[in-house]
Protein backbone atom coordinates (compact mmCIF):
# COMPACT_ATOMS: atom_id res chain seq x y z
CA MET A 1 -34.57 -47.17 27.61
CA PRO A 2 -34.83 -50.94 27.30
CA ALA A 3 -31.77 -52.84 26.20
CA PRO A 4 -32.81 -55.49 23.69
CA GLY A 5 -30.76 -58.45 22.70
CA ALA A 6 -28.44 -58.35 19.74
CA ALA A 7 -30.91 -60.05 17.46
CA ASP A 8 -33.58 -57.39 18.13
CA VAL A 9 -31.50 -54.28 17.90
CA THR A 10 -31.63 -53.08 14.36
CA THR A 11 -33.08 -54.98 11.48
CA THR A 12 -35.46 -57.43 13.15
CA PRO A 13 -39.04 -57.46 11.84
CA SER A 14 -40.39 -56.32 15.21
CA ALA A 15 -38.37 -53.09 15.13
CA VAL A 16 -39.44 -52.42 11.56
CA ARG A 17 -43.08 -53.22 12.34
CA ALA A 18 -42.97 -50.84 15.30
CA ILE A 19 -41.91 -48.02 12.99
CA VAL A 20 -44.48 -48.83 10.32
CA ALA A 21 -47.28 -49.08 12.88
CA SER A 22 -46.50 -45.84 14.73
CA PRO A 23 -47.40 -42.46 13.17
CA LEU A 24 -44.70 -40.86 15.34
CA TYR A 25 -41.90 -43.22 14.35
CA ARG A 26 -42.99 -43.30 10.73
CA GLY A 27 -43.30 -39.53 10.50
CA ALA A 28 -39.98 -38.96 12.24
CA THR A 29 -38.28 -41.33 9.79
CA VAL A 30 -39.52 -39.37 6.78
CA ALA A 31 -38.81 -36.01 8.43
CA LEU A 32 -35.20 -36.93 9.23
CA PHE A 33 -34.70 -38.20 5.68
CA LEU A 34 -35.81 -34.80 4.36
CA SER A 35 -33.55 -33.05 6.86
CA GLY A 36 -30.54 -35.08 5.78
CA LEU A 37 -31.38 -34.56 2.11
CA GLY A 38 -31.49 -30.78 2.42
CA MET A 39 -28.54 -30.33 4.74
CA SER A 40 -26.23 -32.64 2.79
CA ALA A 41 -27.06 -30.83 -0.44
CA ALA A 42 -26.04 -27.50 1.09
CA ALA A 43 -23.01 -28.55 3.17
CA PRO A 44 -20.52 -29.17 0.32
CA GLN A 45 -21.72 -26.11 -1.62
CA ILE A 46 -21.72 -23.30 0.94
CA ALA A 47 -17.97 -22.61 0.75
CA LEU A 48 -18.04 -22.65 -3.05
CA PHE A 49 -21.01 -20.25 -2.98
CA LEU A 50 -19.18 -17.85 -0.69
CA VAL A 51 -16.01 -17.94 -2.78
CA ASN A 52 -17.45 -17.98 -6.30
CA ASP A 53 -20.70 -16.02 -5.93
CA LEU A 54 -20.08 -13.62 -3.05
CA HIS A 55 -16.31 -13.32 -3.70
CA VAL A 56 -15.24 -14.17 -0.16
CA PRO A 57 -11.52 -15.07 0.20
CA LEU A 58 -10.83 -18.79 0.59
CA ALA A 59 -9.52 -18.47 4.15
CA THR A 60 -12.49 -16.30 5.16
CA ALA A 61 -14.95 -18.79 3.70
CA GLY A 62 -13.81 -21.36 6.26
CA LEU A 63 -14.81 -18.95 9.02
CA TYR A 64 -18.46 -19.45 8.01
CA TYR A 65 -18.50 -22.51 10.22
CA LEU A 66 -17.64 -20.36 13.24
CA THR A 67 -21.18 -19.01 13.07
CA ASN A 68 -22.31 -22.39 14.39
CA VAL A 69 -21.08 -21.58 17.90
CA THR A 70 -24.52 -20.15 18.65
CA ALA A 71 -26.28 -23.44 17.86
CA PRO A 72 -25.43 -25.22 21.15
CA VAL A 73 -26.87 -22.30 23.11
CA ALA A 74 -30.03 -22.38 21.01
CA GLY A 75 -30.18 -26.17 21.30
CA TYR A 76 -29.85 -26.07 25.07
CA LEU A 77 -32.59 -23.45 25.38
CA ILE A 78 -34.94 -25.47 23.17
CA GLY A 79 -34.07 -28.72 24.95
CA ALA A 80 -34.51 -27.30 28.43
CA ARG A 81 -37.89 -25.83 27.52
CA SER A 82 -38.88 -29.14 25.97
CA ASP A 83 -38.00 -31.00 29.17
CA ARG A 84 -40.02 -28.50 31.23
CA THR A 85 -43.12 -28.48 29.04
CA GLY A 86 -43.00 -31.83 27.24
CA LYS A 87 -44.07 -30.10 24.00
CA ARG A 88 -41.61 -31.93 21.79
CA LEU A 89 -43.41 -31.73 18.45
CA GLY A 90 -44.52 -28.12 18.81
CA LEU A 91 -40.91 -27.06 19.27
CA PHE A 92 -39.87 -29.35 16.41
CA ARG A 93 -42.26 -27.54 14.05
CA LEU A 94 -40.99 -24.16 15.18
CA CYS A 95 -37.38 -25.20 14.56
CA ALA A 96 -38.27 -26.57 11.10
CA ILE A 97 -39.90 -23.27 10.12
CA THR A 98 -36.82 -21.44 11.34
CA GLY A 99 -34.68 -23.62 9.07
CA PHE A 100 -36.88 -22.76 6.10
CA VAL A 101 -36.57 -19.04 6.76
CA GLY A 102 -32.81 -19.22 7.24
CA TRP A 103 -31.98 -21.14 4.07
CA ALA A 104 -34.42 -19.08 2.00
CA CYS A 105 -32.64 -15.93 3.15
CA ILE A 106 -29.24 -17.41 2.25
CA ALA A 107 -30.58 -18.23 -1.21
CA LEU A 108 -31.41 -14.54 -1.62
CA ALA A 109 -28.22 -13.17 -0.03
CA GLU A 110 -26.38 -10.50 -2.02
CA ARG A 111 -23.79 -9.39 0.53
CA ALA A 112 -20.89 -11.44 1.84
CA TRP A 113 -21.84 -10.88 5.48
CA MET A 114 -25.43 -12.05 5.11
CA PRO A 115 -24.91 -15.86 5.22
CA PHE A 116 -22.72 -15.44 8.30
CA VAL A 117 -25.36 -13.46 10.20
CA ILE A 118 -28.24 -15.67 9.05
CA SER A 119 -26.40 -18.81 10.12
CA ALA A 120 -25.55 -17.40 13.55
CA LEU A 121 -28.94 -15.93 14.40
CA VAL A 122 -31.52 -18.00 12.51
CA LEU A 123 -30.16 -21.40 11.52
CA ALA A 124 -28.82 -21.88 15.06
CA PHE A 125 -32.35 -22.77 16.19
CA SER A 126 -33.16 -25.00 13.24
CA GLY A 127 -30.66 -27.63 14.31
CA ALA A 128 -32.73 -28.50 17.38
CA ALA A 129 -35.53 -29.96 15.23
CA GLY A 130 -34.01 -33.43 15.08
CA SER A 131 -33.28 -33.55 18.79
CA GLN A 132 -36.95 -32.93 19.55
CA LEU A 133 -37.95 -35.87 17.37
CA PHE A 134 -35.54 -38.17 19.17
CA ALA A 135 -36.79 -36.93 22.53
CA ALA A 136 -40.39 -37.61 21.48
CA ILE A 137 -39.43 -41.10 20.31
CA HIS A 138 -37.63 -41.76 23.61
CA ASP A 139 -40.72 -40.70 25.59
CA ASP A 140 -42.96 -42.99 23.58
CA LEU A 141 -40.59 -45.96 23.81
CA ARG A 142 -40.37 -45.56 27.57
CA ALA A 143 -44.14 -45.20 27.95
CA THR A 144 -44.84 -48.30 25.87
CA ARG A 145 -41.87 -50.23 27.30
CA SER A 146 -40.90 -51.32 23.80
CA PRO A 147 -38.46 -54.27 23.77
CA VAL A 148 -36.86 -52.98 20.57
CA GLY A 149 -36.15 -49.41 21.63
CA ASP A 150 -32.55 -49.22 20.45
CA GLY A 151 -33.56 -50.78 17.16
CA VAL A 152 -36.24 -48.15 16.57
CA VAL A 153 -33.84 -45.29 17.37
CA SER A 154 -31.17 -46.76 15.13
CA ILE A 155 -33.47 -47.29 12.15
CA VAL A 156 -34.97 -43.81 12.47
CA ARG A 157 -31.44 -42.41 12.65
CA MET A 158 -30.60 -44.33 9.48
CA ALA A 159 -33.18 -42.24 7.63
CA LEU A 160 -31.06 -39.16 8.27
CA THR A 161 -28.07 -40.99 6.82
CA ALA A 162 -30.10 -42.06 3.78
CA GLY A 163 -30.77 -38.40 3.07
CA TRP A 164 -27.05 -37.71 3.23
CA ILE A 165 -26.42 -40.36 0.58
CA ILE A 166 -28.61 -38.68 -2.01
CA GLY A 167 -28.21 -35.02 -1.04
CA PRO A 168 -24.59 -34.30 -2.06
CA VAL A 169 -25.06 -35.66 -5.59
CA LEU A 170 -28.42 -33.93 -6.10
CA GLY A 171 -27.09 -30.72 -4.61
CA SER A 172 -24.04 -30.78 -6.85
CA ILE A 173 -26.16 -31.43 -9.94
CA LEU A 174 -28.70 -28.72 -9.06
CA ALA A 175 -26.01 -26.16 -8.23
CA THR A 176 -24.21 -26.87 -11.52
CA ALA A 177 -27.29 -27.13 -13.74
CA VAL A 178 -29.20 -24.17 -12.28
CA SER A 179 -27.37 -22.23 -9.56
CA PRO A 180 -26.27 -22.52 -5.94
CA ARG A 181 -29.12 -20.21 -4.98
CA ALA A 182 -31.66 -22.65 -6.41
CA MET A 183 -29.99 -25.42 -4.44
CA PHE A 184 -30.26 -23.43 -1.18
CA ALA A 185 -33.91 -22.73 -1.96
CA ALA A 186 -34.43 -26.48 -2.29
CA THR A 187 -32.76 -26.95 1.10
CA ALA A 188 -35.22 -24.44 2.56
CA LEU A 189 -38.15 -26.43 1.14
CA CYS A 190 -36.75 -29.65 2.61
CA ALA A 191 -36.58 -27.97 6.03
CA LEU A 192 -40.21 -26.89 5.79
CA ALA A 193 -41.34 -30.25 4.41
CA GLN A 194 -40.19 -31.98 7.61
CA ILE A 195 -43.45 -30.84 9.18
CA VAL A 196 -45.67 -32.64 6.68
CA PRO A 197 -45.08 -36.32 7.66
CA LEU A 198 -46.04 -35.63 11.28
CA GLY A 199 -49.04 -33.46 10.39
CA PHE A 200 -50.87 -32.29 13.50
CA LEU A 201 -49.72 -35.25 15.59
CA ARG A 202 -49.28 -34.58 19.29
CA THR A 203 -47.53 -36.64 21.92
CA ALA A 204 -48.32 -37.10 25.58
CA PRO A 205 -46.08 -35.29 28.08
CA PRO A 206 -43.10 -37.42 29.16
CA GLN A 207 -43.71 -39.58 32.20
CA PRO A 208 -41.40 -39.24 35.20
CA ARG A 209 -38.73 -41.91 35.15
CA THR A 210 -39.37 -42.79 38.79
CA PRO A 211 -42.16 -41.83 41.18
CA ALA A 212 -41.25 -38.24 42.05
CA THR A 213 -38.30 -38.79 44.32
CA PRO A 214 -36.36 -35.77 45.57
CA ALA A 215 -33.27 -37.01 43.76
CA SER A 216 -35.01 -37.28 40.40
CA GLU A 217 -36.58 -33.85 40.74
CA HIS A 218 -33.21 -32.40 41.63
CA VAL A 219 -31.65 -33.89 38.50
CA THR A 220 -34.52 -32.86 36.26
CA ARG A 221 -34.84 -29.30 37.48
CA ARG A 222 -31.29 -28.35 38.27
CA ARG A 223 -29.10 -30.56 36.05
CA GLY A 224 -25.93 -29.29 37.65
CA LEU A 225 -22.49 -29.54 36.09
CA GLN A 226 -21.63 -32.67 38.05
CA VAL A 227 -24.69 -34.51 36.72
CA MET A 228 -23.97 -33.40 33.16
CA LEU A 229 -20.21 -33.97 33.25
CA PRO A 230 -20.25 -37.45 31.62
CA LEU A 231 -22.47 -36.15 28.83
CA LEU A 232 -20.30 -33.06 28.34
CA THR A 233 -17.14 -35.18 28.28
CA PHE A 234 -18.56 -37.53 25.68
CA THR A 235 -19.87 -34.61 23.65
CA GLY A 236 -16.48 -32.90 23.75
CA LEU A 237 -14.75 -36.00 22.40
CA TYR A 238 -17.42 -36.27 19.72
CA VAL A 239 -16.67 -32.67 18.75
CA LEU A 240 -13.05 -33.62 18.08
CA VAL A 241 -14.15 -36.54 15.91
CA TYR A 242 -16.61 -34.39 13.99
CA ALA A 243 -14.27 -31.41 13.55
CA GLY A 244 -12.87 -32.96 10.38
CA GLU A 245 -16.27 -32.81 8.66
CA PRO A 246 -16.42 -29.01 8.15
CA ILE A 247 -12.81 -29.09 6.97
CA LYS A 248 -13.71 -31.82 4.52
CA TYR A 249 -16.93 -30.22 3.29
CA GLY A 250 -15.31 -26.80 3.13
CA TYR A 251 -12.13 -27.74 1.30
CA LEU A 252 -12.40 -31.23 -0.18
CA PRO A 253 -14.79 -30.10 -2.97
CA ILE A 254 -12.48 -27.18 -3.74
CA TYR A 255 -9.43 -29.47 -3.68
CA MET A 256 -11.08 -32.00 -6.00
CA HIS A 257 -12.36 -29.28 -8.34
CA ASP A 258 -9.39 -26.91 -8.51
CA ASP A 259 -6.37 -29.14 -7.85
CA LEU A 260 -7.35 -32.68 -8.86
CA ARG A 261 -9.66 -31.50 -11.69
CA LEU A 262 -12.17 -34.26 -11.03
CA PRO A 263 -15.47 -34.20 -12.99
CA THR A 264 -18.51 -32.95 -11.10
CA LEU A 265 -20.17 -36.35 -10.98
CA VAL A 266 -16.99 -37.98 -9.65
CA SER A 267 -16.56 -35.41 -6.89
CA GLY A 268 -20.25 -35.75 -6.04
CA ALA A 269 -19.85 -39.52 -5.85
CA VAL A 270 -16.85 -39.11 -3.55
CA ILE A 271 -18.95 -37.03 -1.17
CA GLY A 272 -21.94 -39.37 -1.46
CA ILE A 273 -20.13 -42.66 -0.87
CA GLN A 274 -19.51 -41.86 2.81
CA PRO A 275 -23.17 -41.94 3.91
CA LEU A 276 -23.74 -45.03 1.73
CA ILE A 277 -21.07 -46.93 3.67
CA GLU A 278 -22.43 -45.41 6.86
CA LEU A 279 -25.92 -46.69 6.13
CA ILE A 280 -24.62 -50.20 5.45
CA LEU A 281 -22.55 -50.31 8.64
CA MET A 282 -25.05 -48.81 11.09
CA PRO A 283 -26.97 -52.06 11.77
CA VAL A 284 -23.68 -53.93 12.13
CA ALA A 285 -22.36 -51.30 14.53
CA VAL A 286 -25.31 -51.62 16.90
CA ILE A 287 -25.07 -55.42 16.95
CA VAL A 288 -21.31 -55.37 17.57
CA ALA A 289 -21.74 -52.73 20.28
CA ARG A 290 -24.07 -55.06 22.17
CA ARG A 291 -21.20 -57.52 22.39
CA ILE A 292 -18.14 -55.37 23.05
CA GLY A 293 -19.65 -52.10 24.35
CA MET A 294 -20.63 -48.88 22.62
CA LEU A 295 -17.67 -46.78 23.75
CA ARG A 296 -15.18 -49.50 22.91
CA LEU A 297 -16.49 -49.64 19.38
CA MET A 298 -16.26 -45.85 19.18
CA ILE A 299 -12.51 -46.11 19.78
CA LEU A 300 -12.26 -47.90 16.43
CA GLY A 301 -14.54 -45.31 14.84
CA ALA A 302 -12.34 -42.41 15.93
CA ALA A 303 -9.23 -44.23 14.69
CA LEU A 304 -10.84 -44.74 11.27
CA GLY A 305 -11.29 -40.97 11.10
CA VAL A 306 -7.56 -40.49 11.56
CA GLY A 307 -6.90 -42.80 8.63
CA ALA A 308 -9.48 -41.05 6.46
CA ASN A 309 -7.96 -37.61 6.92
CA LEU A 310 -4.48 -38.97 6.24
CA CYS A 311 -5.82 -40.26 2.91
CA PHE A 312 -7.16 -36.80 2.05
CA ALA A 313 -3.88 -35.15 2.98
CA LEU A 314 -1.35 -37.54 1.47
CA THR A 315 -2.73 -39.49 -1.50
CA GLY A 316 -3.48 -36.80 -4.10
CA ASN A 317 -5.73 -38.81 -6.42
CA ALA A 318 -9.35 -39.90 -6.85
CA THR A 319 -8.67 -43.34 -5.42
CA GLY A 320 -7.34 -41.81 -2.22
CA MET A 321 -10.41 -39.62 -1.95
CA PHE A 322 -12.70 -42.63 -2.28
CA VAL A 323 -10.69 -44.64 0.28
CA GLY A 324 -10.78 -41.74 2.70
CA GLN A 325 -14.53 -41.39 2.34
CA ILE A 326 -15.03 -45.14 2.80
CA LEU A 327 -13.07 -44.97 6.04
CA MET A 328 -15.12 -41.94 7.05
CA GLY A 329 -18.23 -43.98 6.36
CA GLY A 330 -16.97 -46.39 9.00
CA VAL A 331 -16.59 -43.51 11.43
CA TRP A 332 -20.17 -42.37 11.03
CA GLY A 333 -21.60 -45.85 10.73
CA ILE A 334 -20.50 -46.21 14.35
CA PHE A 335 -21.12 -42.74 15.74
CA ALA A 336 -24.40 -42.10 13.91
CA ALA A 337 -25.86 -45.39 15.11
CA LEU A 338 -24.75 -45.12 18.72
CA GLY A 339 -24.14 -41.46 19.56
CA ILE A 340 -27.69 -40.35 20.35
CA ILE A 341 -28.32 -43.52 22.40
CA VAL A 342 -25.18 -42.97 24.49
CA ALA A 343 -26.04 -39.30 25.04
CA GLN A 344 -29.56 -40.07 26.27
CA ARG A 345 -28.26 -42.74 28.65
CA LEU A 346 -25.72 -40.34 30.10
CA LEU A 347 -28.51 -37.93 31.11
CA PRO A 348 -31.63 -40.14 31.32
CA GLU A 349 -33.72 -37.71 33.36
CA ALA A 350 -33.54 -34.97 30.72
CA VAL A 351 -33.42 -36.65 27.35
CA ALA A 352 -34.43 -33.59 25.31
CA THR A 353 -31.58 -31.61 26.87
CA ALA A 354 -29.20 -34.52 26.31
CA SER A 355 -30.34 -34.91 22.71
CA ALA A 356 -30.07 -31.19 22.02
CA ILE A 357 -26.61 -30.88 23.56
CA PHE A 358 -25.32 -33.88 21.65
CA MET A 359 -26.86 -33.00 18.29
CA SER A 360 -25.90 -29.33 18.52
CA SER A 361 -22.32 -30.35 19.26
CA THR A 362 -21.89 -30.69 15.52
CA ALA A 363 -22.19 -26.91 15.43
CA ILE A 364 -19.27 -26.52 17.86
CA ALA A 365 -17.34 -29.04 15.79
CA SER A 366 -18.14 -27.03 12.67
CA ALA A 367 -16.83 -23.89 14.34
CA LEU A 368 -13.66 -25.66 15.47
CA GLY A 369 -13.19 -27.25 12.07
CA GLY A 370 -13.90 -23.98 10.29
CA LEU A 371 -11.31 -22.14 12.35
CA THR A 372 -8.78 -24.94 11.95
CA GLY A 373 -9.43 -25.09 8.23
CA SER A 374 -9.12 -21.35 7.79
CA LEU A 375 -5.83 -21.17 9.70
CA GLY A 376 -4.56 -24.42 8.21
CA VAL A 377 -5.22 -23.56 4.59
CA SER A 378 -3.49 -20.20 5.08
CA ALA A 379 -0.46 -21.78 6.74
CA PHE A 380 -0.12 -25.09 4.91
CA GLY A 381 -2.49 -24.96 1.94
CA LEU A 382 -4.39 -27.81 0.34
CA PRO A 383 -4.37 -30.74 0.97
CA TYR A 384 -2.29 -30.57 4.15
CA VAL A 385 -5.08 -28.79 6.00
CA PHE A 386 -6.58 -32.26 6.59
CA LEU A 387 -3.69 -33.15 8.91
CA GLY A 388 -5.32 -30.95 11.55
CA ALA A 389 -8.42 -33.13 11.47
CA ALA A 390 -6.24 -36.24 11.82
CA PHE A 391 -4.65 -34.72 14.92
CA TYR A 392 -8.03 -34.06 16.51
CA GLY A 393 -8.99 -37.65 15.76
CA LEU A 394 -5.95 -38.94 17.60
CA ILE A 395 -6.91 -36.97 20.71
CA ALA A 396 -10.49 -38.25 20.50
CA THR A 397 -9.33 -41.85 20.12
CA GLY A 398 -7.33 -41.62 23.33
CA GLY A 399 -10.08 -39.81 25.21
CA ILE A 400 -12.77 -42.31 24.29
CA ALA A 401 -10.43 -45.15 25.25
CA ILE A 402 -10.05 -43.65 28.73
CA MET A 403 -13.79 -43.05 29.10
CA SER A 404 -14.66 -46.60 28.01
CA ARG A 405 -12.75 -48.07 30.96
CA SER A 406 -15.09 -46.52 33.50
CA ARG A 407 -18.30 -46.83 31.44
CA PRO A 408 -18.58 -50.22 29.71
CA MET A 409 -21.88 -49.23 28.10
CA ARG A 410 -23.75 -51.87 26.09
């Protein structure tokens, strides 16, 4: 992918014009906004739904996130097939339909076990939808040799964040005013609606990166462990950073509702302020990364996550919740802007596989966070369960610092 100068990376008119002029970029932007809107509405409400509507014990509710361990397998299978066939958008549509079916079934669930099974077997495949869009965008940017490639990826990624700004508040209002089931049904419709902005658009098969050399074919077809090790290392560190998110979404709403007694709109604003800060910081993050290096900036991002979880665990008031979420916005302003770009550069000959592995890593993180939250809330209770997320963040900070020394990526 081309590496534009700092002035071109994010908010320059040329990057914006490229998105407006391209049906693919424009459609992907709207589709990812809808994806973020639906997912962010459901994420803070699923644990409350399990506890209050299906009468699942609090510790067991955290285990819901363990169902996400199947998503990386599904993501790898979708990504590998995408790299073999080049049918990015066809697989995207299939994954979006799967998301619709999964969330619609959760909205109708009457038994406690049903959301767990649906998440593990159906929603696992829906998470690969976004990775196919980013792979299609990468192919097009490489074919057209766009000088603002990173800027296009970053702005399209910002659409997902924009959905996460609005979703938690709307989801909280809808769940309170109508019911959680209605909110999950709305999430299902958002998943299906992703297909609409792209219509029947098709993309050309990805071009080989180099003229069919034996080395490139070996990488593309075999993708052995040694070739994928940098990507897997980076993804593993990202998992540790992200592991605090399922703990936060699983238990922070419960903590604010049951212990701090915050009004619904206040708790919704606490959840929603993170992606707002994230959206503001994403353009800044890409520009700064061009100067100091992407991985070096991610060291700061991981450290901000440690501070955020310490706020959740130790402050005990609304101000502390807001400060923690603002710090968390800094975390994701950095990782959301740069993560997919780093992943694709670590495995450039198989970008759909790289995108799928990286984006499905949130499912592993959700499983890790869900298990940590379940064990932590049983052993230490609220709010000290967030100390586990802070510990993971410390490990990630050190690991990224070590990785940045050998890979000064800009």
